[in-house]
């Protein structure tokens, strides 16, 4: 399923608010829940700027970014903030830490990241394991080893038709 970038971001933002709402309902800290739900579920995508920088440096072209051309040029998918490992660590910390403020932060972040990654798996048609940081490291962040075979074929086809200035 391919969505426009604004719609994709809107879905992430709405799930971020849901993450905050759930944490707020449990620990009654609405401000913290909202802020950290959005941080975990929406602002996580700031890591795409890292991928863009690694591919193009400071030569900013919105159309390249919007179309994900950084992945075409580099052949890698880093997205360093996208990782199931973060969700696991945050949930484990929930069982250790007793402070309600900290629990609100941890749950909001964990749910925000979880909803974000789950949405990306569906919308971007990616294998669940692709959002494991350890998995991507083990495969040197190479797109060919991370995405589904049919999606890699589409990637190669797109790469042949894009000329970078």
N, C-alpha and C. Protein backbone atom coordinates (compact mmCIF):
# COMPACT_ATOMS: atom_id res chain seq x y z
N UNK A 1 0.86 -1.16 0.00
CA UNK A 1 0.00 0.00 0.00
C UNK A 1 0.91 1.23 0.00
N UNK A 2 0.72 2.09 -0.96
CA UNK A 2 1.54 3.28 -1.05
C UNK A 2 0.68 4.50 -0.73
N UNK A 3 1.14 5.28 0.23
CA UNK A 3 0.40 6.47 0.64
C UNK A 3 1.22 7.71 0.36
N UNK A 4 0.52 8.82 0.19
CA UNK A 4 1.24 10.09 0.08
C UNK A 4 1.92 10.37 1.42
N UNK A 5 2.99 11.15 1.37
CA UNK A 5 3.72 11.47 2.60
C UNK A 5 2.82 12.18 3.62
N UNK A 6 2.01 13.17 3.23
CA UNK A 6 1.15 13.81 4.24
C UNK A 6 0.18 12.82 4.91
N UNK A 7 -0.41 11.92 4.15
CA UNK A 7 -1.33 10.94 4.74
C UNK A 7 -0.57 9.98 5.65
N UNK A 8 0.59 9.55 5.20
CA UNK A 8 1.43 8.65 6.01
C UNK A 8 1.75 9.32 7.36
N UNK A 9 2.16 10.58 7.31
CA UNK A 9 2.49 11.31 8.54
C UNK A 9 1.26 11.53 9.42
N UNK A 10 0.12 11.80 8.80
CA UNK A 10 -1.11 11.98 9.57
C UNK A 10 -1.47 10.71 10.34
N UNK A 11 -1.33 9.57 9.70
CA UNK A 11 -1.60 8.29 10.37
C UNK A 11 -0.67 8.12 11.56
N UNK A 12 0.62 8.42 11.37
CA UNK A 12 1.56 8.32 12.48
C UNK A 12 1.19 9.28 13.61
N UNK A 13 0.78 10.48 13.26
CA UNK A 13 0.43 11.47 14.28
C UNK A 13 -0.79 11.00 15.07
N UNK A 14 -1.79 10.47 14.39
CA UNK A 14 -3.00 10.00 15.08
C UNK A 14 -2.68 8.83 16.02
N UNK A 15 -1.86 7.90 15.57
CA UNK A 15 -1.46 6.79 16.45
C UNK A 15 -0.61 7.28 17.61
N UNK A 16 0.15 8.35 17.40
CA UNK A 16 0.93 8.94 18.49
C UNK A 16 0.01 9.48 19.57
N UNK A 17 -1.05 10.15 19.13
CA UNK A 17 -2.03 10.66 20.09
C UNK A 17 -2.72 9.52 20.82
N UNK A 18 -3.00 8.44 20.12
CA UNK A 18 -3.59 7.26 20.76
C UNK A 18 -2.64 6.70 21.83
N UNK A 19 -1.36 6.63 21.52
CA UNK A 19 -0.37 6.16 22.50
C UNK A 19 -0.42 7.03 23.74
N UNK A 20 -0.44 8.34 23.55
CA UNK A 20 -0.53 9.26 24.68
C UNK A 20 -1.83 9.11 25.45
N UNK A 21 -2.92 8.92 24.73
CA UNK A 21 -4.23 8.75 25.38
C UNK A 21 -4.24 7.51 26.27
N UNK A 22 -3.68 6.43 25.79
CA UNK A 22 -3.65 5.19 26.58
C UNK A 22 -2.83 5.41 27.86
N UNK A 23 -1.65 6.00 27.73
CA UNK A 23 -0.81 6.25 28.91
C UNK A 23 -1.48 7.23 29.86
N UNK A 24 -2.14 8.23 29.33
CA UNK A 24 -2.84 9.20 30.16
C UNK A 24 -3.96 8.53 30.96
N UNK A 25 -4.72 7.65 30.31
CA UNK A 25 -5.82 6.96 30.99
C UNK A 25 -5.32 6.08 32.13
N UNK A 26 -4.10 5.56 32.01
CA UNK A 26 -3.56 4.68 33.05
C UNK A 26 -2.96 5.49 34.19
N UNK A 27 -2.12 6.49 33.87
CA UNK A 27 -1.38 7.19 34.94
C UNK A 27 -1.76 8.65 35.12
N UNK A 28 -2.76 9.13 34.40
CA UNK A 28 -3.32 10.47 34.62
C UNK A 28 -2.31 11.61 34.53
N UNK A 29 -1.41 11.51 33.58
CA UNK A 29 -0.42 12.57 33.33
C UNK A 29 -0.57 12.99 31.86
N UNK A 30 -1.61 13.78 31.55
CA UNK A 30 -1.93 14.05 30.13
C UNK A 30 -0.83 14.77 29.35
N UNK A 31 -0.18 15.76 29.95
CA UNK A 31 0.85 16.51 29.22
C UNK A 31 2.02 15.61 28.85
N UNK A 32 2.53 14.88 29.83
CA UNK A 32 3.65 13.96 29.56
C UNK A 32 3.25 12.90 28.55
N UNK A 33 2.06 12.35 28.71
CA UNK A 33 1.60 11.30 27.81
C UNK A 33 1.53 11.80 26.37
N UNK A 34 0.98 12.99 26.17
CA UNK A 34 0.86 13.54 24.82
C UNK A 34 2.23 13.83 24.21
N UNK A 35 3.09 14.49 24.97
CA UNK A 35 4.41 14.86 24.46
C UNK A 35 5.22 13.63 24.07
N UNK A 36 5.27 12.65 24.95
CA UNK A 36 6.11 11.48 24.68
C UNK A 36 5.45 10.49 23.72
N UNK A 37 4.12 10.50 23.63
CA UNK A 37 3.45 9.72 22.60
C UNK A 37 3.82 10.24 21.22
N UNK A 38 3.80 11.56 21.07
CA UNK A 38 4.18 12.19 19.79
C UNK A 38 5.67 12.00 19.52
N UNK A 39 6.48 12.12 20.55
CA UNK A 39 7.92 11.91 20.37
C UNK A 39 8.19 10.49 19.86
N UNK A 40 7.59 9.50 20.49
CA UNK A 40 7.82 8.11 20.11
C UNK A 40 7.17 7.71 18.81
N UNK A 41 5.98 8.24 18.54
CA UNK A 41 5.22 7.78 17.39
C UNK A 41 5.30 8.64 16.15
N UNK A 42 5.75 9.87 16.31
CA UNK A 42 5.77 10.79 15.17
C UNK A 42 7.17 11.34 14.90
N UNK A 43 7.80 11.86 15.93
CA UNK A 43 9.12 12.46 15.75
C UNK A 43 10.22 11.43 15.53
N UNK A 44 9.88 10.16 15.72
CA UNK A 44 10.81 9.07 15.41
C UNK A 44 11.29 9.17 13.96
N UNK A 45 10.44 9.74 13.10
CA UNK A 45 10.79 9.83 11.68
C UNK A 45 11.88 10.86 11.39
N UNK A 46 12.32 11.58 12.39
CA UNK A 46 13.44 12.50 12.18
C UNK A 46 14.70 11.76 11.75
N UNK A 47 14.75 10.46 12.04
CA UNK A 47 15.93 9.69 11.62
C UNK A 47 16.04 9.58 10.10
N UNK A 48 14.96 9.85 9.38
CA UNK A 48 15.04 9.84 7.93
C UNK A 48 15.98 10.94 7.42
N UNK A 49 16.11 12.00 8.21
CA UNK A 49 17.04 13.07 7.83
C UNK A 49 18.49 12.57 7.91
N UNK A 50 18.76 11.65 8.82
CA UNK A 50 20.10 11.06 8.91
C UNK A 50 20.39 10.28 7.63
N UNK A 51 19.44 9.46 7.21
CA UNK A 51 19.61 8.69 5.97
C UNK A 51 19.82 9.63 4.79
N UNK A 52 19.03 10.71 4.76
CA UNK A 52 19.16 11.67 3.67
C UNK A 52 20.54 12.31 3.68
N UNK A 53 20.99 12.73 4.83
CA UNK A 53 22.31 13.36 4.94
C UNK A 53 23.42 12.40 4.50
N UNK A 54 23.33 11.14 4.89
CA UNK A 54 24.35 10.16 4.50
C UNK A 54 24.38 9.95 2.99
N UNK A 55 23.25 10.13 2.33
CA UNK A 55 23.20 9.95 0.88
C UNK A 55 23.57 11.22 0.11
N UNK A 56 23.09 12.38 0.60
CA UNK A 56 23.22 13.62 -0.18
C UNK A 56 23.98 14.73 0.54
N UNK A 57 24.35 14.53 1.78
CA UNK A 57 24.98 15.62 2.52
C UNK A 57 23.98 16.73 2.77
N UNK A 58 24.45 17.96 2.70
CA UNK A 58 23.58 19.11 2.96
C UNK A 58 22.91 19.65 1.70
N UNK A 59 22.97 18.91 0.61
CA UNK A 59 22.34 19.30 -0.65
C UNK A 59 20.85 18.94 -0.57
N UNK A 60 20.05 19.82 0.04
CA UNK A 60 18.65 19.52 0.33
C UNK A 60 17.76 19.73 -0.88
N UNK A 61 17.00 18.68 -1.22
CA UNK A 61 15.98 18.75 -2.26
C UNK A 61 14.76 18.03 -1.71
N UNK A 62 13.70 18.82 -1.46
CA UNK A 62 12.49 18.26 -0.86
C UNK A 62 11.97 17.08 -1.68
N UNK A 63 11.95 17.21 -3.01
CA UNK A 63 11.40 16.13 -3.83
C UNK A 63 12.20 14.83 -3.67
N UNK A 64 13.49 14.92 -3.44
CA UNK A 64 14.29 13.71 -3.18
C UNK A 64 13.88 13.09 -1.86
N UNK A 65 13.74 13.94 -0.85
CA UNK A 65 13.38 13.43 0.47
C UNK A 65 12.01 12.80 0.47
N UNK A 66 11.05 13.50 -0.14
CA UNK A 66 9.66 13.04 -0.16
C UNK A 66 9.51 11.68 -0.86
N UNK A 67 10.33 11.46 -1.88
CA UNK A 67 10.25 10.21 -2.64
C UNK A 67 11.17 9.12 -2.09
N UNK A 68 11.90 9.42 -1.01
CA UNK A 68 12.79 8.43 -0.43
C UNK A 68 14.02 8.16 -1.28
N UNK A 69 14.44 9.14 -2.06
CA UNK A 69 15.59 8.93 -2.94
C UNK A 69 16.88 8.67 -2.19
N UNK A 70 16.93 9.01 -0.92
CA UNK A 70 18.13 8.71 -0.15
C UNK A 70 18.38 7.20 -0.11
N UNK A 71 17.32 6.42 -0.10
CA UNK A 71 17.47 4.96 -0.10
C UNK A 71 17.91 4.46 -1.47
N UNK A 72 17.41 5.12 -2.51
CA UNK A 72 17.81 4.74 -3.87
C UNK A 72 19.30 5.00 -4.08
N UNK A 73 19.76 6.15 -3.63
CA UNK A 73 21.15 6.51 -3.87
C UNK A 73 22.11 5.66 -3.05
N UNK A 74 21.80 5.48 -1.76
CA UNK A 74 22.75 4.78 -0.87
C UNK A 74 22.64 3.26 -0.95
N UNK A 75 21.45 2.77 -1.25
CA UNK A 75 21.24 1.32 -1.22
C UNK A 75 21.13 0.78 0.19
N UNK A 76 21.01 1.69 1.15
CA UNK A 76 20.93 1.30 2.57
C UNK A 76 19.68 1.86 3.22
N UNK A 77 19.26 1.18 4.28
CA UNK A 77 18.19 1.68 5.14
C UNK A 77 18.74 1.70 6.56
N UNK A 78 19.01 2.91 7.06
CA UNK A 78 19.53 3.03 8.43
C UNK A 78 18.39 3.26 9.42
N UNK A 79 17.59 4.29 9.22
CA UNK A 79 16.52 4.70 10.14
C UNK A 79 16.78 4.23 11.58
N UNK A 80 17.77 4.83 12.17
CA UNK A 80 18.32 4.36 13.44
C UNK A 80 17.37 4.43 14.62
N UNK A 81 16.31 5.24 14.54
CA UNK A 81 15.35 5.32 15.64
C UNK A 81 14.24 4.27 15.50
N UNK A 82 14.18 3.61 14.35
CA UNK A 82 13.15 2.61 14.10
C UNK A 82 13.67 1.24 14.54
N UNK A 83 13.23 0.78 15.69
CA UNK A 83 13.69 -0.52 16.16
C UNK A 83 12.79 -1.09 17.24
N UNK A 84 12.39 -2.34 17.03
CA UNK A 84 11.59 -3.04 18.04
C UNK A 84 12.34 -3.13 19.36
N UNK A 85 13.67 -3.10 19.30
CA UNK A 85 14.48 -3.22 20.51
C UNK A 85 14.17 -2.09 21.49
N UNK A 86 13.89 -0.90 20.97
CA UNK A 86 13.56 0.22 21.85
C UNK A 86 12.27 -0.04 22.62
N UNK A 87 11.28 -0.61 21.93
CA UNK A 87 10.01 -0.94 22.58
C UNK A 87 10.25 -1.93 23.71
N UNK A 88 11.03 -2.96 23.45
CA UNK A 88 11.31 -3.99 24.46
C UNK A 88 12.01 -3.38 25.66
N UNK A 89 13.01 -2.56 25.43
CA UNK A 89 13.75 -1.92 26.53
C UNK A 89 12.82 -1.03 27.36
N UNK A 90 12.01 -0.24 26.68
CA UNK A 90 11.09 0.66 27.39
C UNK A 90 10.07 -0.11 28.22
N UNK A 91 9.55 -1.20 27.68
CA UNK A 91 8.59 -2.03 28.43
C UNK A 91 9.27 -2.68 29.64
N UNK A 92 10.48 -3.17 29.45
CA UNK A 92 11.21 -3.75 30.59
C UNK A 92 11.42 -2.71 31.68
N UNK A 93 11.76 -1.49 31.29
CA UNK A 93 11.94 -0.42 32.27
C UNK A 93 10.64 -0.10 33.01
N UNK A 94 9.52 -0.28 32.35
CA UNK A 94 8.21 -0.07 33.00
C UNK A 94 8.06 -0.95 34.24
N UNK A 95 8.62 -2.15 34.18
CA UNK A 95 8.50 -3.08 35.31
C UNK A 95 9.49 -2.77 36.42
N UNK A 96 10.52 -2.02 36.10
CA UNK A 96 11.56 -1.72 37.08
C UNK A 96 11.29 -0.40 37.80
N UNK A 97 10.87 0.59 37.04
CA UNK A 97 10.70 1.94 37.58
C UNK A 97 9.31 2.08 38.21
N UNK A 98 9.26 2.72 39.35
CA UNK A 98 8.00 2.83 40.10
C UNK A 98 7.34 4.19 39.98
N UNK A 99 8.08 5.22 39.58
CA UNK A 99 7.57 6.58 39.49
C UNK A 99 6.52 6.71 38.39
N UNK A 100 5.35 7.29 38.73
CA UNK A 100 4.25 7.41 37.77
C UNK A 100 4.59 8.34 36.60
N UNK A 101 5.37 9.37 36.87
CA UNK A 101 5.78 10.27 35.78
C UNK A 101 6.66 9.51 34.79
N UNK A 102 7.62 8.79 35.33
CA UNK A 102 8.52 8.02 34.47
C UNK A 102 7.75 6.92 33.74
N UNK A 103 6.81 6.27 34.41
CA UNK A 103 6.01 5.23 33.77
C UNK A 103 5.19 5.80 32.62
N UNK A 104 4.65 7.00 32.82
CA UNK A 104 3.89 7.67 31.75
C UNK A 104 4.77 7.91 30.54
N UNK A 105 5.97 8.40 30.79
CA UNK A 105 6.92 8.65 29.71
C UNK A 105 7.28 7.35 28.99
N UNK A 106 7.62 6.33 29.76
CA UNK A 106 8.04 5.06 29.17
C UNK A 106 6.94 4.41 28.35
N UNK A 107 5.73 4.37 28.91
CA UNK A 107 4.63 3.74 28.18
C UNK A 107 4.25 4.54 26.94
N UNK A 108 4.23 5.86 27.05
CA UNK A 108 3.90 6.69 25.89
C UNK A 108 4.91 6.48 24.77
N UNK A 109 6.18 6.49 25.12
CA UNK A 109 7.23 6.24 24.12
C UNK A 109 7.11 4.85 23.52
N UNK A 110 6.96 3.85 24.37
CA UNK A 110 6.89 2.46 23.90
C UNK A 110 5.70 2.26 22.95
N UNK A 111 4.53 2.75 23.36
CA UNK A 111 3.35 2.60 22.51
C UNK A 111 3.48 3.41 21.23
N UNK A 112 4.02 4.62 21.35
CA UNK A 112 4.22 5.45 20.15
C UNK A 112 5.12 4.76 19.14
N UNK A 113 6.24 4.25 19.61
CA UNK A 113 7.17 3.55 18.72
C UNK A 113 6.52 2.28 18.16
N UNK A 114 5.85 1.52 19.03
CA UNK A 114 5.20 0.29 18.58
C UNK A 114 4.18 0.58 17.48
N UNK A 115 3.29 1.56 17.72
CA UNK A 115 2.28 1.89 16.72
C UNK A 115 2.93 2.37 15.42
N UNK A 116 3.99 3.16 15.56
CA UNK A 116 4.69 3.67 14.38
C UNK A 116 5.27 2.52 13.55
N UNK A 117 5.98 1.62 14.20
CA UNK A 117 6.60 0.51 13.48
C UNK A 117 5.56 -0.42 12.88
N UNK A 118 4.50 -0.71 13.64
CA UNK A 118 3.44 -1.58 13.13
C UNK A 118 2.79 -0.95 11.89
N UNK A 119 2.57 0.35 11.93
CA UNK A 119 2.01 1.05 10.78
C UNK A 119 2.96 0.98 9.60
N UNK A 120 4.24 1.21 9.84
CA UNK A 120 5.22 1.14 8.75
C UNK A 120 5.28 -0.25 8.13
N UNK A 121 5.18 -1.29 8.95
CA UNK A 121 5.20 -2.66 8.42
C UNK A 121 4.07 -2.84 7.42
N UNK A 122 2.88 -2.35 7.77
CA UNK A 122 1.71 -2.52 6.90
C UNK A 122 1.78 -1.59 5.69
N UNK A 123 1.98 -0.30 5.95
CA UNK A 123 1.94 0.70 4.88
C UNK A 123 3.10 0.55 3.90
N UNK A 124 4.29 0.29 4.42
CA UNK A 124 5.47 0.18 3.57
C UNK A 124 5.70 -1.24 3.07
N UNK A 125 4.83 -2.18 3.47
CA UNK A 125 4.92 -3.58 3.05
C UNK A 125 6.32 -4.14 3.34
N UNK A 126 6.73 -3.99 4.59
CA UNK A 126 8.05 -4.45 5.03
C UNK A 126 7.91 -5.65 5.95
N UNK A 127 8.87 -6.54 5.95
CA UNK A 127 8.85 -7.62 6.93
C UNK A 127 9.01 -7.04 8.34
N UNK A 128 8.37 -7.64 9.31
CA UNK A 128 8.47 -7.19 10.70
C UNK A 128 9.93 -7.10 11.14
N UNK A 129 10.73 -8.08 10.76
CA UNK A 129 12.14 -8.12 11.18
C UNK A 129 12.95 -6.96 10.62
N UNK A 130 12.47 -6.33 9.55
CA UNK A 130 13.19 -5.20 8.96
C UNK A 130 13.30 -4.02 9.91
N UNK A 131 12.40 -3.98 10.88
CA UNK A 131 12.43 -2.89 11.84
C UNK A 131 13.17 -3.27 13.12
N UNK A 132 13.96 -4.29 13.04
CA UNK A 132 14.88 -4.62 14.12
C UNK A 132 16.22 -3.98 13.79
N UNK A 133 16.70 -3.15 14.67
CA UNK A 133 18.00 -2.52 14.46
C UNK A 133 19.10 -3.58 14.37
N UNK A 134 19.01 -4.60 15.21
CA UNK A 134 20.00 -5.68 15.17
C UNK A 134 19.99 -6.40 13.83
N UNK A 135 18.82 -6.62 13.29
CA UNK A 135 18.69 -7.29 11.99
C UNK A 135 19.33 -6.45 10.89
N UNK A 136 19.04 -5.14 10.91
CA UNK A 136 19.62 -4.27 9.88
C UNK A 136 21.13 -4.20 10.02
N UNK A 137 21.63 -4.14 11.24
CA UNK A 137 23.09 -4.13 11.45
C UNK A 137 23.70 -5.43 10.92
N UNK A 138 23.08 -6.56 11.23
CA UNK A 138 23.60 -7.86 10.80
C UNK A 138 23.64 -7.97 9.28
N UNK A 139 22.81 -7.20 8.59
CA UNK A 139 22.78 -7.22 7.13
C UNK A 139 23.38 -5.94 6.54
N UNK A 140 24.24 -5.30 7.31
CA UNK A 140 24.97 -4.11 6.86
C UNK A 140 24.05 -3.02 6.30
N UNK A 141 22.82 -2.99 6.78
CA UNK A 141 21.83 -1.98 6.39
C UNK A 141 21.48 -2.02 4.90
N UNK A 142 21.87 -3.09 4.19
CA UNK A 142 21.66 -3.20 2.74
C UNK A 142 20.19 -3.49 2.42
N UNK A 143 19.62 -2.67 1.58
CA UNK A 143 18.22 -2.82 1.19
C UNK A 143 17.94 -4.21 0.65
N UNK A 144 18.86 -4.73 -0.14
CA UNK A 144 18.66 -6.04 -0.78
C UNK A 144 18.38 -7.14 0.24
N UNK A 145 18.95 -7.03 1.43
CA UNK A 145 18.76 -8.05 2.45
C UNK A 145 17.64 -7.72 3.43
N UNK A 146 17.14 -6.50 3.39
CA UNK A 146 16.19 -6.05 4.42
C UNK A 146 14.74 -6.09 3.94
N UNK A 147 14.50 -5.72 2.70
CA UNK A 147 13.12 -5.64 2.20
C UNK A 147 12.72 -6.96 1.53
N UNK A 148 11.44 -7.09 1.26
CA UNK A 148 10.94 -8.26 0.54
C UNK A 148 11.53 -8.27 -0.87
N UNK A 149 11.72 -9.46 -1.42
CA UNK A 149 12.33 -9.60 -2.75
C UNK A 149 11.59 -8.80 -3.81
N UNK A 150 10.27 -8.87 -3.80
CA UNK A 150 9.50 -8.13 -4.82
C UNK A 150 9.65 -6.61 -4.65
N UNK A 151 9.80 -6.16 -3.42
CA UNK A 151 10.02 -4.73 -3.20
C UNK A 151 11.43 -4.32 -3.61
N UNK A 152 12.38 -5.22 -3.45
CA UNK A 152 13.73 -4.91 -3.91
C UNK A 152 13.77 -4.80 -5.43
N UNK A 153 13.03 -5.65 -6.12
CA UNK A 153 12.96 -5.57 -7.57
C UNK A 153 12.39 -4.21 -8.00
N UNK A 154 11.36 -3.74 -7.30
CA UNK A 154 10.79 -2.41 -7.59
C UNK A 154 11.83 -1.32 -7.31
N UNK A 155 12.58 -1.50 -6.25
CA UNK A 155 13.64 -0.54 -5.89
C UNK A 155 14.68 -0.45 -7.01
N UNK A 156 15.12 -1.59 -7.50
CA UNK A 156 16.13 -1.62 -8.57
C UNK A 156 15.57 -0.97 -9.83
N UNK A 157 14.33 -1.26 -10.15
CA UNK A 157 13.68 -0.66 -11.32
C UNK A 157 13.60 0.86 -11.18
N UNK A 158 13.18 1.32 -10.02
CA UNK A 158 13.12 2.78 -9.77
C UNK A 158 14.49 3.40 -9.86
N UNK A 159 15.49 2.72 -9.32
CA UNK A 159 16.86 3.23 -9.30
C UNK A 159 17.39 3.46 -10.72
N UNK A 160 16.98 2.61 -11.63
CA UNK A 160 17.46 2.72 -13.01
C UNK A 160 16.90 3.97 -13.70
N UNK A 161 15.76 4.48 -13.22
CA UNK A 161 15.10 5.61 -13.88
C UNK A 161 15.34 6.96 -13.19
N UNK A 162 16.05 6.95 -12.08
CA UNK A 162 16.29 8.20 -11.35
C UNK A 162 17.71 8.68 -11.60
N UNK A 163 17.82 9.93 -11.98
CA UNK A 163 19.14 10.53 -12.16
C UNK A 163 19.30 11.58 -11.08
N UNK A 164 20.38 11.50 -10.33
CA UNK A 164 20.64 12.45 -9.27
C UNK A 164 21.52 13.57 -9.82
N UNK A 165 21.13 14.79 -9.51
CA UNK A 165 21.87 15.96 -9.99
C UNK A 165 23.13 16.19 -9.17
